[in-house]
Protein backbone atom coordinates (compact mmCIF):
# COMPACT_ATOMS: atom_id res chain seq x y z
CA UNK A 1 -94.79 -194.94 -207.98
CA UNK A 2 -92.31 -196.35 -210.50
CA UNK A 3 -94.87 -196.16 -213.31
CA UNK A 4 -95.63 -192.54 -212.44
CA UNK A 5 -91.93 -191.65 -212.32
CA UNK A 6 -91.34 -193.33 -215.67
CA UNK A 7 -94.24 -191.40 -217.20
CA UNK A 8 -92.88 -188.13 -215.80
CA UNK A 9 -89.38 -188.91 -217.05
CA UNK A 10 -90.56 -189.85 -220.54
CA UNK A 11 -92.71 -186.73 -220.71
CA UNK A 12 -89.78 -184.55 -219.61
CA UNK A 13 -87.45 -186.17 -222.15
CA UNK A 14 -90.00 -185.50 -224.89
CA UNK A 15 -90.42 -181.87 -223.75
CA UNK A 16 -86.65 -181.43 -224.04
CA UNK A 17 -86.73 -182.84 -227.60
CA UNK A 18 -84.40 -185.69 -226.63
CA UNK A 19 -84.48 -189.24 -227.94
CA UNK A 20 -83.45 -191.94 -225.47
CA UNK A 21 -83.73 -195.71 -225.73
CA UNK A 22 -85.79 -197.80 -223.32
CA UNK A 23 -82.52 -199.05 -221.81
CA UNK A 24 -81.35 -195.49 -221.15
CA UNK A 25 -84.69 -194.57 -219.56
CA UNK A 26 -84.40 -197.63 -217.32
CA UNK A 27 -80.83 -196.67 -216.35
CA UNK A 28 -81.96 -193.16 -215.39
CA UNK A 29 -84.77 -194.58 -213.26
CA UNK A 30 -82.40 -197.10 -211.66
CA UNK A 31 -80.02 -194.24 -210.87
CA UNK A 32 -82.89 -192.32 -209.28
CA UNK A 33 -83.79 -195.39 -207.21
CA UNK A 34 -80.19 -195.76 -205.99
CA UNK A 35 -79.99 -192.05 -205.19
CA UNK A 36 -83.13 -192.29 -203.08
CA UNK A 37 -81.94 -195.50 -201.37
CA UNK A 38 -78.47 -194.24 -200.46
CA UNK A 39 -79.54 -190.72 -199.62
CA UNK A 40 -80.88 -191.56 -196.17
CA UNK A 41 -77.53 -192.97 -195.03
CA UNK A 42 -75.08 -190.87 -197.06
CA UNK A 43 -76.89 -187.50 -197.20
CA UNK A 44 -76.20 -187.16 -200.94
CA UNK A 45 -78.78 -184.44 -201.59
CA UNK A 46 -81.13 -182.26 -199.56
CA UNK A 47 -83.96 -183.19 -201.92
CA UNK A 48 -85.81 -186.24 -200.61
CA UNK A 49 -88.95 -186.65 -202.74
CA UNK A 50 -88.47 -188.87 -205.85
CA UNK A 51 -90.52 -186.58 -208.10
CA UNK A 52 -88.49 -183.53 -207.09
CA UNK A 53 -85.28 -185.50 -207.60
CA UNK A 54 -86.48 -186.40 -211.08
CA UNK A 55 -87.12 -182.79 -212.08
CA UNK A 56 -84.37 -180.98 -210.16
CA UNK A 57 -81.64 -183.55 -210.73
CA UNK A 58 -82.32 -185.79 -213.73
CA UNK A 59 -84.14 -183.42 -216.09
CA UNK A 60 -81.95 -180.53 -214.97
CA UNK A 61 -78.85 -182.52 -215.92
CA UNK A 62 -80.38 -183.63 -219.22
CA UNK A 63 -81.08 -180.01 -220.16
CA UNK A 64 -77.42 -179.48 -221.16
CA UNK A 65 -77.29 -182.53 -223.47
CA UNK A 66 -77.44 -180.52 -226.74
CA UNK A 67 -74.48 -178.33 -225.80
CA UNK A 68 -71.73 -180.47 -224.23
CA UNK A 69 -69.05 -181.50 -226.74
CA UNK A 70 -65.94 -183.63 -226.37
CA UNK A 71 -65.15 -187.31 -225.99
CA UNK A 72 -63.35 -187.04 -222.66
CA UNK A 73 -65.30 -185.09 -220.04
CA UNK A 74 -64.53 -184.20 -216.40
CA UNK A 75 -67.42 -183.41 -214.04
CA UNK A 76 -66.00 -181.48 -211.08
CA UNK A 77 -67.78 -181.28 -207.73
CA UNK A 78 -70.05 -183.97 -209.10
CA UNK A 79 -71.63 -184.82 -205.72
CA UNK A 80 -73.88 -187.84 -206.34
CA UNK A 81 -73.07 -187.72 -210.07
CA UNK A 82 -74.81 -184.62 -211.40
CA UNK A 83 -74.74 -183.97 -214.28
CA UNK A 84 -72.10 -186.67 -214.89
CA UNK A 85 -74.18 -189.84 -214.51
CA UNK A 86 -77.10 -188.70 -216.72
CA UNK A 87 -74.61 -187.50 -219.35
CA UNK A 88 -72.76 -190.83 -219.25
CA UNK A 89 -76.04 -192.71 -219.71
CA UNK A 90 -77.00 -190.62 -222.74
CA UNK A 91 -73.49 -190.72 -224.27
CA UNK A 92 -72.11 -194.26 -223.79
CA UNK A 93 -69.49 -193.60 -226.49
CA UNK A 94 -67.86 -190.82 -224.43
CA UNK A 95 -65.70 -191.11 -221.30
CA UNK A 96 -66.71 -189.34 -218.08
CA UNK A 97 -64.53 -188.78 -215.03
CA UNK A 98 -66.59 -187.80 -211.97
CA UNK A 99 -64.65 -186.01 -209.26
CA UNK A 100 -65.60 -185.13 -205.70
CA UNK A 101 -63.61 -184.70 -202.49
CA UNK A 102 -66.29 -186.48 -200.42
CA UNK A 103 -65.54 -190.18 -199.95
CA UNK A 104 -69.17 -191.15 -199.32
CA UNK A 105 -70.22 -189.62 -202.61
CA UNK A 106 -67.47 -191.33 -204.60
CA UNK A 107 -68.37 -194.67 -202.98
CA UNK A 108 -71.94 -194.09 -204.11
CA UNK A 109 -70.70 -193.35 -207.62
CA UNK A 110 -68.71 -196.61 -207.63
CA UNK A 111 -71.92 -198.47 -206.73
CA UNK A 112 -73.91 -196.67 -209.44
CA UNK A 113 -71.26 -197.37 -212.07
CA UNK A 114 -71.28 -201.08 -211.29
CA UNK A 115 -75.02 -201.56 -210.88
CA UNK A 116 -75.84 -199.68 -214.09
CA UNK A 117 -72.96 -201.18 -216.06
CA UNK A 118 -71.48 -197.80 -216.98
CA UNK A 119 -68.11 -198.75 -218.44
CA UNK A 120 -67.53 -195.16 -219.55
CA UNK A 121 -67.49 -193.77 -216.00
CA UNK A 122 -64.52 -193.32 -213.66
CA UNK A 123 -64.96 -191.87 -210.18
CA UNK A 124 -62.16 -189.93 -208.47
CA UNK A 125 -61.97 -188.78 -204.86
CA UNK A 126 -59.76 -185.71 -204.88
CA UNK A 127 -59.66 -181.99 -204.45
CA UNK A 128 -59.66 -180.53 -207.93
CA UNK A 129 -56.46 -178.53 -207.35
CA UNK A 130 -54.55 -181.70 -206.44
CA UNK A 131 -55.70 -183.86 -209.35
CA UNK A 132 -53.04 -184.52 -212.00
CA UNK A 133 -54.45 -186.71 -214.80
CA UNK A 134 -52.33 -188.39 -217.44
CA UNK A 135 -54.28 -186.60 -220.17
CA UNK A 136 -56.14 -183.30 -220.08
CA UNK A 137 -59.88 -183.19 -220.78
CA UNK A 138 -61.85 -181.95 -223.78
CA UNK A 139 -64.55 -180.53 -221.54
CA UNK A 140 -65.17 -179.74 -217.87
CA UNK A 141 -68.71 -179.58 -216.51
CA UNK A 142 -69.88 -178.24 -213.17
CA UNK A 143 -73.23 -177.81 -211.46
CA UNK A 144 -73.26 -175.32 -208.59
CA UNK A 145 -69.61 -176.20 -207.90
CA UNK A 146 -68.27 -172.72 -207.13
CA UNK A 147 -68.02 -169.27 -208.69
CA UNK A 148 -67.06 -169.06 -212.36
CA UNK A 149 -63.69 -167.49 -211.52
CA UNK A 150 -62.86 -170.21 -209.00
CA UNK A 151 -64.02 -172.93 -211.36
CA UNK A 152 -61.85 -171.91 -214.30
CA UNK A 153 -58.80 -171.03 -212.19
CA UNK A 154 -58.89 -174.23 -210.13
CA UNK A 155 -59.43 -176.52 -213.14
CA UNK A 156 -57.47 -174.77 -215.89
CA UNK A 157 -54.61 -177.29 -215.58
CA UNK A 158 -57.08 -180.07 -216.36
CA UNK A 159 -58.48 -178.65 -219.61
CA UNK A 160 -56.92 -178.89 -223.05
CA UNK A 161 -55.95 -175.62 -224.69
CA UNK A 162 -58.90 -175.84 -227.09
CA UNK A 163 -61.24 -177.35 -224.48
CA UNK A 164 -64.34 -175.83 -223.00
CA UNK A 165 -65.79 -175.21 -219.54
CA UNK A 166 -69.54 -175.79 -219.13
CA UNK A 167 -70.88 -174.18 -215.95
CA UNK A 168 -74.49 -174.78 -214.91
CA UNK A 169 -76.01 -171.83 -213.05
CA UNK A 170 -79.40 -170.70 -211.81
CA UNK A 171 -79.92 -167.00 -212.44
CA UNK A 172 -77.74 -165.50 -215.15
CA UNK A 173 -74.45 -164.83 -213.28
CA UNK A 174 -73.85 -161.18 -214.22
CA UNK A 175 -71.60 -160.40 -211.26
CA UNK A 176 -69.53 -163.58 -211.66
CA UNK A 177 -69.01 -162.81 -215.33
CA UNK A 178 -67.88 -159.27 -214.56
CA UNK A 179 -65.01 -160.55 -212.42
CA UNK A 180 -64.03 -163.45 -214.70
CA UNK A 181 -60.25 -163.29 -215.33
CA UNK A 182 -59.38 -161.64 -218.65
CA UNK A 183 -57.64 -164.71 -220.07
CA UNK A 184 -60.97 -166.56 -220.28
CA UNK A 185 -63.73 -165.91 -222.81
CA UNK A 186 -67.46 -166.54 -222.57
CA UNK A 187 -68.28 -168.01 -225.97
CA UNK A 188 -71.95 -168.90 -225.37
CA UNK A 189 -74.71 -168.78 -222.81
CA UNK A 190 -77.94 -170.74 -222.93
CA UNK A 191 -81.14 -170.35 -220.98
CA UNK A 192 -82.13 -173.90 -220.13
CA UNK A 193 -85.67 -175.22 -220.11
CA UNK A 194 -86.26 -177.84 -217.42
CA UNK A 195 -89.75 -179.39 -217.37
CA UNK A 196 -91.40 -179.03 -213.96
CA UNK A 197 -88.89 -176.44 -212.73
CA UNK A 198 -89.94 -172.79 -212.46
CA UNK A 199 -86.57 -171.31 -211.45
CA UNK A 200 -84.11 -169.89 -213.96
CA UNK A 201 -81.41 -172.17 -215.33
CA UNK A 202 -78.42 -171.19 -217.46
CA UNK A 203 -75.40 -172.87 -219.01
CA UNK A 204 -72.26 -170.76 -219.52
CA UNK A 205 -69.60 -171.91 -222.00
CA UNK A 206 -66.10 -170.61 -221.41
CA UNK A 207 -62.79 -171.10 -223.23
CA UNK A 208 -59.21 -170.12 -222.52
CA UNK A 209 -57.81 -167.20 -224.50
CA UNK A 210 -55.48 -168.27 -227.30
């Protein structure tokens, strides 16, 4: 099974025009193994099959690699570390703070960080509205966290003035964009290509108005 998963992962990485080292591929597979192992006890994700986890979690997270900028990134509502852990594996030179209000999920993230040796990862158990970091972030990522309006309003105190929100969505969120508060601007949208996934995927980039 491991050999098949590795082949699928390497094929997906190639399809996404990414270049990862053998060590990074191994870290992604080790993360997948931990996710599968802990899922039965901690209910981290409704997806149980390793191959579906690989496509719907790993490759889905990797699909935003070309777009996310900034050296200090916050992943809100990270759950079991998506997209935060895959991003941290690909970008060891950047710092990633992974936030979730669920204690079981942040304990899992602590285990992942230590087992994979991810010195650029910090896990935080907190509601996003209550979190007060020492420094604001260059970028905030989210994956099915909440509506776009809620995301930007609840996390605006965490983002630098020139920072950027990166919201992962399924279908293009026309209705959510229509009700986005006027002091936020959509600066880019990308239709994502995720190998092995038929459903629509989009990434919305948002900034604060000057």
